[in-house]
Amino acid sequence: VEDRRIAQVIGLADSVPYNRFDTDSAENRRISITLLTDDAYKKMLDQNRRNFGNPGTQSELDLAPESVF
């Protein structure tokens, strides 16, 4: 998976445990990874540029997600 497709990575062990009776259980140690399609990534770039003062649409640029957040 390309880095630019990863929108979010969240650890879920303490917030949504599978095993509520044994919070240290290995089954609770997991993550959720949210991936973006190309269109969703471009829309996010354009929206962030509008919201944070970068005028114009420049979604053709090959920017890493770190530059957006």
PDB file of N, CA and C in Angstrom:
ATOM      1  N   VAL A   1       0.852  -1.180   0.000  1.00  0.00           N
ATOM      2  CA  VAL A   1       0.000   0.000   0.000  1.00  0.00           C
ATOM      3  C   VAL A   1       0.892   1.236   0.000  1.00  0.00           C
ATOM      4  N   GLU A   2       0.599   2.157  -0.884  1.00  0.00           N
ATOM      5  CA  GLU A   2       1.366   3.394  -0.943  1.00  0.00           C
ATOM      6  C   GLU A   2       1.061   4.252   0.280  1.00  0.00           C
ATOM      7  N   ASP A   3       2.100   4.929   0.799  1.00  0.00           N
ATOM      8  CA  ASP A   3       1.933   5.778   1.979  1.00  0.00           C
ATOM      9  C   ASP A   3       0.847   6.825   1.794  1.00  0.00           C
ATOM     10  N   ARG A   4       0.737   7.385   0.595  1.00  0.00           N
ATOM     11  CA  ARG A   4      -0.221   8.469   0.380  1.00  0.00           C
ATOM     12  C   ARG A   4      -1.671   8.008   0.484  1.00  0.00           C
ATOM     13  N   ARG A   5      -1.904   6.709   0.424  1.00  0.00           N
ATOM     14  CA  ARG A   5      -3.264   6.187   0.548  1.00  0.00           C
ATOM     15  C   ARG A   5      -3.704   6.018   2.006  1.00  0.00           C
ATOM     16  N   ILE A   6      -2.771   6.063   2.934  1.00  0.00           N
ATOM     17  CA  ILE A   6      -3.114   5.880   4.344  1.00  0.00           C
ATOM     18  C   ILE A   6      -3.599   7.203   4.913  1.00  0.00           C
ATOM     19  N   ALA A   7      -4.859   7.218   5.314  1.00  0.00           N
ATOM     20  CA  ALA A   7      -5.455   8.437   5.866  1.00  0.00           C
ATOM     21  C   ALA A   7      -5.330   8.476   7.373  1.00  0.00           C
ATOM     22  N   GLN A   8      -5.421   7.313   8.013  1.00  0.00           N
ATOM     23  CA  GLN A   8      -5.471   7.304   9.467  1.00  0.00           C
ATOM     24  C   GLN A   8      -5.114   5.915   9.984  1.00  0.00           C
ATOM     25  N   VAL A   9      -4.385   5.876  11.082  1.00  0.00           N
ATOM     26  CA  VAL A   9      -4.078   4.631  11.785  1.00  0.00           C
ATOM     27  C   VAL A   9      -4.422   4.865  13.247  1.00  0.00           C
ATOM     28  N   ILE A  10      -5.279   3.999  13.800  1.00  0.00           N
ATOM     29  CA  ILE A  10      -5.753   4.184  15.174  1.00  0.00           C
ATOM     30  C   ILE A  10      -5.580   2.882  15.947  1.00  0.00           C
ATOM     31  N   GLY A  11      -5.012   2.981  17.141  1.00  0.00           N
ATOM     32  CA  GLY A  11      -4.957   1.843  18.048  1.00  0.00           C
ATOM     33  C   GLY A  11      -6.294   1.711  18.762  1.00  0.00           C
ATOM     34  N   LEU A  12      -6.808   0.488  18.861  1.00  0.00           N
ATOM     35  CA  LEU A  12      -8.152   0.291  19.399  1.00  0.00           C
ATOM     36  C   LEU A  12      -8.204  -0.459  20.722  1.00  0.00           C
ATOM     37  N   ALA A  13      -7.082  -0.896  21.237  1.00  0.00           N
ATOM     38  CA  ALA A  13      -7.092  -1.755  22.420  1.00  0.00           C
ATOM     39  C   ALA A  13      -7.807  -1.129  23.608  1.00  0.00           C
ATOM     40  N   ASP A  14      -7.535   0.139  23.896  1.00  0.00           N
ATOM     41  CA  ASP A  14      -8.138   0.743  25.083  1.00  0.00           C
ATOM     42  C   ASP A  14      -9.496   1.375  24.808  1.00  0.00           C
ATOM     43  N   SER A  15      -9.803   1.704  23.554  1.00  0.00           N
ATOM     44  CA  SER A  15     -11.068   2.386  23.274  1.00  0.00           C
ATOM     45  C   SER A  15     -12.191   1.442  22.841  1.00  0.00           C
ATOM     46  N   VAL A  16     -11.857   0.349  22.149  1.00  0.00           N
ATOM     47  CA  VAL A  16     -12.863  -0.614  21.707  1.00  0.00           C
ATOM     48  C   VAL A  16     -12.309  -2.026  21.899  1.00  0.00           C
ATOM     49  N   PRO A  17     -12.222  -2.480  23.129  1.00  0.00           N
ATOM     50  CA  PRO A  17     -11.640  -3.807  23.361  1.00  0.00           C
ATOM     51  C   PRO A  17     -12.589  -4.928  22.936  1.00  0.00           C
ATOM     52  N   TYR A  18     -12.039  -5.970  22.309  1.00  0.00           N
ATOM     53  CA  TYR A  18     -12.830  -7.163  22.017  1.00  0.00           C
ATOM     54  C   TYR A  18     -13.136  -7.909  23.310  1.00  0.00           C
ATOM     55  N   ASN A  19     -12.146  -7.999  24.167  1.00  0.00           N
ATOM     56  CA  ASN A  19     -12.298  -8.711  25.428  1.00  0.00           C
ATOM     57  C   ASN A  19     -12.304  -7.686  26.561  1.00  0.00           C
ATOM     58  N   ARG A  20     -13.495  -7.299  26.995  1.00  0.00           N
ATOM     59  CA  ARG A  20     -13.628  -6.281  28.048  1.00  0.00           C
ATOM     60  C   ARG A  20     -13.267  -6.822  29.430  1.00  0.00           C
ATOM     61  N   PHE A  21     -13.267  -8.134  29.566  1.00  0.00           N
ATOM     62  CA  PHE A  21     -12.987  -8.731  30.872  1.00  0.00           C
ATOM     63  C   PHE A  21     -11.488  -8.892  31.123  1.00  0.00           C
ATOM     64  N   ASP A  22     -10.706  -8.944  30.053  1.00  0.00           N
ATOM     65  CA  ASP A  22      -9.248  -9.028  30.169  1.00  0.00           C
ATOM     66  C   ASP A  22      -8.653  -7.996  29.216  1.00  0.00           C
ATOM     67  N   THR A  23      -8.524  -6.764  29.686  1.00  0.00           N
ATOM     68  CA  THR A  23      -8.080  -5.668  28.818  1.00  0.00           C
ATOM     69  C   THR A  23      -6.638  -5.827  28.345  1.00  0.00           C
ATOM     70  N   ASP A  24      -5.851  -6.680  28.996  1.00  0.00           N
ATOM     71  CA  ASP A  24      -4.475  -6.936  28.562  1.00  0.00           C
ATOM     72  C   ASP A  24      -4.382  -8.094  27.567  1.00  0.00           C
ATOM     73  N   SER A  25      -5.515  -8.661  27.199  1.00  0.00           N
ATOM     74  CA  SER A  25      -5.545  -9.794  26.283  1.00  0.00           C
ATOM     75  C   SER A  25      -4.972  -9.416  24.918  1.00  0.00           C
ATOM     76  N   ALA A  26      -4.271 -10.365  24.298  1.00  0.00           N
ATOM     77  CA  ALA A  26      -3.664 -10.125  22.984  1.00  0.00           C
ATOM     78  C   ALA A  26      -4.704  -9.794  21.922  1.00  0.00           C
ATOM     79  N   GLU A  27      -5.910 -10.316  22.058  1.00  0.00           N
ATOM     80  CA  GLU A  27      -6.937 -10.044  21.044  1.00  0.00           C
ATOM     81  C   GLU A  27      -7.355  -8.573  21.016  1.00  0.00           C
ATOM     82  N   ASN A  28      -7.038  -7.834  22.060  1.00  0.00           N
ATOM     83  CA  ASN A  28      -7.353  -6.404  22.093  1.00  0.00           C
ATOM     84  C   ASN A  28      -6.293  -5.553  21.397  1.00  0.00           C
ATOM     85  N   ARG A  29      -5.140  -6.118  21.143  1.00  0.00           N
ATOM     86  CA  ARG A  29      -4.051  -5.351  20.511  1.00  0.00           C
ATOM     87  C   ARG A  29      -4.213  -5.384  18.996  1.00  0.00           C
ATOM     88  N   ARG A  30      -4.832  -4.350  18.481  1.00  0.00           N
ATOM     89  CA  ARG A  30      -5.065  -4.262  17.050  1.00  0.00           C
ATOM     90  C   ARG A  30      -5.160  -2.799  16.644  1.00  0.00           C
ATOM     91  N   ILE A  31      -5.086  -2.567  15.341  1.00  0.00           N
ATOM     92  CA  ILE A  31      -5.193  -1.209  14.820  1.00  0.00           C
ATOM     93  C   ILE A  31      -6.227  -1.186  13.697  1.00  0.00           C
ATOM     94  N   SER A  32      -6.738  -0.011  13.436  1.00  0.00           N
ATOM     95  CA  SER A  32      -7.625   0.228  12.305  1.00  0.00           C
ATOM     96  C   SER A  32      -6.880   1.139  11.336  1.00  0.00           C
ATOM     97  N   ILE A  33      -6.833   0.742  10.066  1.00  0.00           N
ATOM     98  CA  ILE A  33      -6.159   1.536   9.043  1.00  0.00           C
ATOM     99  C   ILE A  33      -7.198   1.980   8.024  1.00  0.00           C
ATOM    100  N   THR A  34      -7.308   3.291   7.816  1.00  0.00           N
ATOM    101  CA  THR A  34      -8.238   3.849   6.841  1.00  0.00           C
ATOM    102  C   THR A  34      -7.452   4.251   5.599  1.00  0.00           C
ATOM    103  N   LEU A  35      -7.855   3.696   4.455  1.00  0.00           N
ATOM    104  CA  LEU A  35      -7.171   3.974   3.194  1.00  0.00           C
ATOM    105  C   LEU A  35      -8.022   4.886   2.318  1.00  0.00           C
ATOM    106  N   LEU A  36      -7.356   5.704   1.502  1.00  0.00           N
ATOM    107  CA  LEU A  36      -8.038   6.611   0.583  1.00  0.00           C
ATOM    108  C   LEU A  36      -7.914   6.121  -0.858  1.00  0.00           C
ATOM    109  N   THR A  37      -8.987   6.318  -1.625  1.00  0.00           N
ATOM    110  CA  THR A  37      -8.891   6.132  -3.068  1.00  0.00           C
ATOM    111  C   THR A  37      -8.168   7.348  -3.640  1.00  0.00           C
ATOM    112  N   ASP A  38      -7.758   7.284  -4.892  1.00  0.00           N
ATOM    113  CA  ASP A  38      -7.100   8.434  -5.521  1.00  0.00           C
ATOM    114  C   ASP A  38      -8.004   9.662  -5.513  1.00  0.00           C
ATOM    115  N   ASP A  39      -9.287   9.476  -5.848  1.00  0.00           N
ATOM    116  CA  ASP A  39     -10.220  10.608  -5.867  1.00  0.00           C
ATOM    117  C   ASP A  39     -10.398  11.209  -4.479  1.00  0.00           C
ATOM    118  N   ALA A  40     -10.525  10.365  -3.470  1.00  0.00           N
ATOM    119  CA  ALA A  40     -10.693  10.870  -2.100  1.00  0.00           C
ATOM    120  C   ALA A  40      -9.448  11.619  -1.644  1.00  0.00           C
ATOM    121  N   TYR A  41      -8.278  11.133  -2.020  1.00  0.00           N
ATOM    122  CA  TYR A  41      -7.027  11.803  -1.655  1.00  0.00           C
ATOM    123  C   TYR A  41      -6.953  13.188  -2.288  1.00  0.00           C
ATOM    124  N   LYS A  42      -7.299  13.298  -3.566  1.00  0.00           N
ATOM    125  CA  LYS A  42      -7.280  14.595  -4.246  1.00  0.00           C
ATOM    126  C   LYS A  42      -8.293  15.557  -3.636  1.00  0.00           C
ATOM    127  N   LYS A  43      -9.483  15.046  -3.307  1.00  0.00           N
ATOM    128  CA  LYS A  43     -10.499  15.901  -2.674  1.00  0.00           C
ATOM    129  C   LYS A  43     -10.021  16.399  -1.318  1.00  0.00           C
ATOM    130  N   MET A  44      -9.366  15.520  -0.552  1.00  0.00           N
ATOM    131  CA  MET A  44      -8.850  15.921   0.750  1.00  0.00           C
ATOM    132  C   MET A  44      -7.780  17.002   0.593  1.00  0.00           C
ATOM    133  N   LEU A  45      -6.893  16.846  -0.374  1.00  0.00           N
ATOM    134  CA  LEU A  45      -5.869  17.860  -0.617  1.00  0.00           C
ATOM    135  C   LEU A  45      -6.500  19.205  -0.952  1.00  0.00           C
ATOM    136  N   ASP A  46      -7.457  19.183  -1.872  1.00  0.00           N
ATOM    137  CA  ASP A  46      -8.109  20.426  -2.280  1.00  0.00           C
ATOM    138  C   ASP A  46      -8.847  21.081  -1.119  1.00  0.00           C
ATOM    139  N   GLN A  47      -9.562  20.282  -0.330  1.00  0.00           N
ATOM    140  CA  GLN A  47     -10.301  20.826   0.812  1.00  0.00           C
ATOM    141  C   GLN A  47      -9.351  21.414   1.850  1.00  0.00           C
ATOM    142  N   ASN A  48      -8.270  20.725   2.146  1.00  0.00           N
ATOM    143  CA  ASN A  48      -7.308  21.239   3.124  1.00  0.00           C
ATOM    144  C   ASN A  48      -6.649  22.521   2.639  1.00  0.00           C
ATOM    145  N   ARG A  49      -6.384  22.602   1.355  1.00  0.00           N
ATOM    146  CA  ARG A  49      -5.802  23.836   0.812  1.00  0.00           C
ATOM    147  C   ARG A  49      -6.773  25.004   0.954  1.00  0.00           C
ATOM    148  N   ARG A  50      -8.055  24.762   0.675  1.00  0.00           N
ATOM    149  CA  ARG A  50      -9.059  25.826   0.830  1.00  0.00           C
ATOM    150  C   ARG A  50      -9.212  26.221   2.294  1.00  0.00           C
ATOM    151  N   ASN A  51      -9.267  25.240   3.173  1.00  0.00           N
ATOM    152  CA  ASN A  51      -9.482  25.515   4.599  1.00  0.00           C
ATOM    153  C   ASN A  51      -8.298  26.202   5.262  1.00  0.00           C
ATOM    154  N   PHE A  52      -7.094  25.925   4.787  1.00  0.00           N
ATOM    155  CA  PHE A  52      -5.908  26.442   5.456  1.00  0.00           C
ATOM    156  C   PHE A  52      -5.167  27.491   4.641  1.00  0.00           C
ATOM    157  N   GLY A  53      -5.829  28.057   3.636  1.00  0.00           N
ATOM    158  CA  GLY A  53      -5.297  29.233   2.975  1.00  0.00           C
ATOM    159  C   GLY A  53      -4.409  29.034   1.772  1.00  0.00           C
ATOM    160  N   ASN A  54      -4.271  27.834   1.260  1.00  0.00           N
ATOM    161  CA  ASN A  54      -3.520  27.646   0.021  1.00  0.00           C
ATOM    162  C   ASN A  54      -4.500  27.733  -1.139  1.00  0.00           C
ATOM    163  N   PRO A  55      -4.493  28.808  -1.887  1.00  0.00           N
ATOM    164  CA  PRO A  55      -5.469  28.970  -2.968  1.00  0.00           C
ATOM    165  C   PRO A  55      -5.209  28.034  -4.138  1.00  0.00           C
ATOM    166  N   GLY A  56      -6.258  27.810  -4.891  1.00  0.00           N
ATOM    167  CA  GLY A  56      -6.135  27.031  -6.117  1.00  0.00           C
ATOM    168  C   GLY A  56      -6.199  25.544  -5.878  1.00  0.00           C
ATOM    169  N   THR A  57      -6.408  24.831  -6.946  1.00  0.00           N
ATOM    170  CA  THR A  57      -6.406  23.374  -6.865  1.00  0.00           C
ATOM    171  C   THR A  57      -5.113  22.875  -7.474  1.00  0.00           C
ATOM    172  N   GLN A  58      -4.367  22.168  -6.690  1.00  0.00           N
ATOM    173  CA  GLN A  58      -3.078  21.660  -7.133  1.00  0.00           C
ATOM    174  C   GLN A  58      -2.996  20.164  -6.899  1.00  0.00           C
ATOM    175  N   SER A  59      -4.117  19.468  -7.036  1.00  0.00           N
ATOM    176  CA  SER A  59      -4.144  18.049  -6.706  1.00  0.00           C
ATOM    177  C   SER A  59      -3.323  17.199  -7.675  1.00  0.00           C
ATOM    178  N   GLU A  60      -2.821  17.780  -8.754  1.00  0.00           N
ATOM    179  CA  GLU A  60      -1.969  17.031  -9.660  1.00  0.00           C
ATOM    180  C   GLU A  60      -0.569  16.849  -9.080  1.00  0.00           C
ATOM    181  N   LEU A  61      -0.225  17.639  -8.076  1.00  0.00           N
ATOM    182  CA  LEU A  61       1.092  17.528  -7.462  1.00  0.00           C
ATOM    183  C   LEU A  61       1.224  16.207  -6.735  1.00  0.00           C
ATOM    184  N   ASP A  62       2.416  15.672  -6.716  1.00  0.00           N
ATOM    185  CA  ASP A  62       2.682  14.428  -6.005  1.00  0.00           C
ATOM    186  C   ASP A  62       3.164  14.775  -4.601  1.00  0.00           C
ATOM    187  N   LEU A  63       2.212  15.032  -3.700  1.00  0.00           N
ATOM    188  CA  LEU A  63       2.540  15.429  -2.335  1.00  0.00           C
ATOM    189  C   LEU A  63       2.350  14.261  -1.388  1.00  0.00           C
ATOM    190  N   ALA A  64       3.231  14.161  -0.435  1.00  0.00           N
ATOM    191  CA  ALA A  64       3.093  13.142   0.598  1.00  0.00           C
ATOM    192  C   ALA A  64       2.040  13.591   1.601  1.00  0.00           C
ATOM    193  N   PRO A  65       1.315  12.659   2.236  1.00  0.00           N
ATOM    194  CA  PRO A  65       0.290  13.037   3.211  1.00  0.00           C
ATOM    195  C   PRO A  65       0.805  13.925   4.332  1.00  0.00           C
ATOM    196  N   GLU A  66       2.088  13.781   4.706  1.00  0.00           N
ATOM    197  CA  GLU A  66       2.625  14.600   5.787  1.00  0.00           C
ATOM    198  C   GLU A  66       2.535  16.080   5.448  1.00  0.00           C
ATOM    199  N   SER A  67       2.615  16.424   4.165  1.00  0.00           N
ATOM    200  CA  SER A  67       2.573  17.829   3.777  1.00  0.00           C
ATOM    201  C   SER A  67       1.167  18.399   3.863  1.00  0.00           C
ATOM    202  N   VAL A  68       0.169  17.531   3.949  1.00  0.00           N
ATOM    203  CA  VAL A  68      -1.220  17.975   4.028  1.00  0.00           C
ATOM    204  C   VAL A  68      -1.616  18.222   5.470  1.00  0.00           C
ATOM    205  N   PHE A  69      -1.158  17.385   6.364  1.00  0.00           N
ATOM    206  CA  PHE A  69      -1.562  17.471   7.759  1.00  0.00           C
ATOM    207  C   PHE A  69      -0.590  18.338   8.459  1.00  0.00           C
TER     208      PHE A  69
END
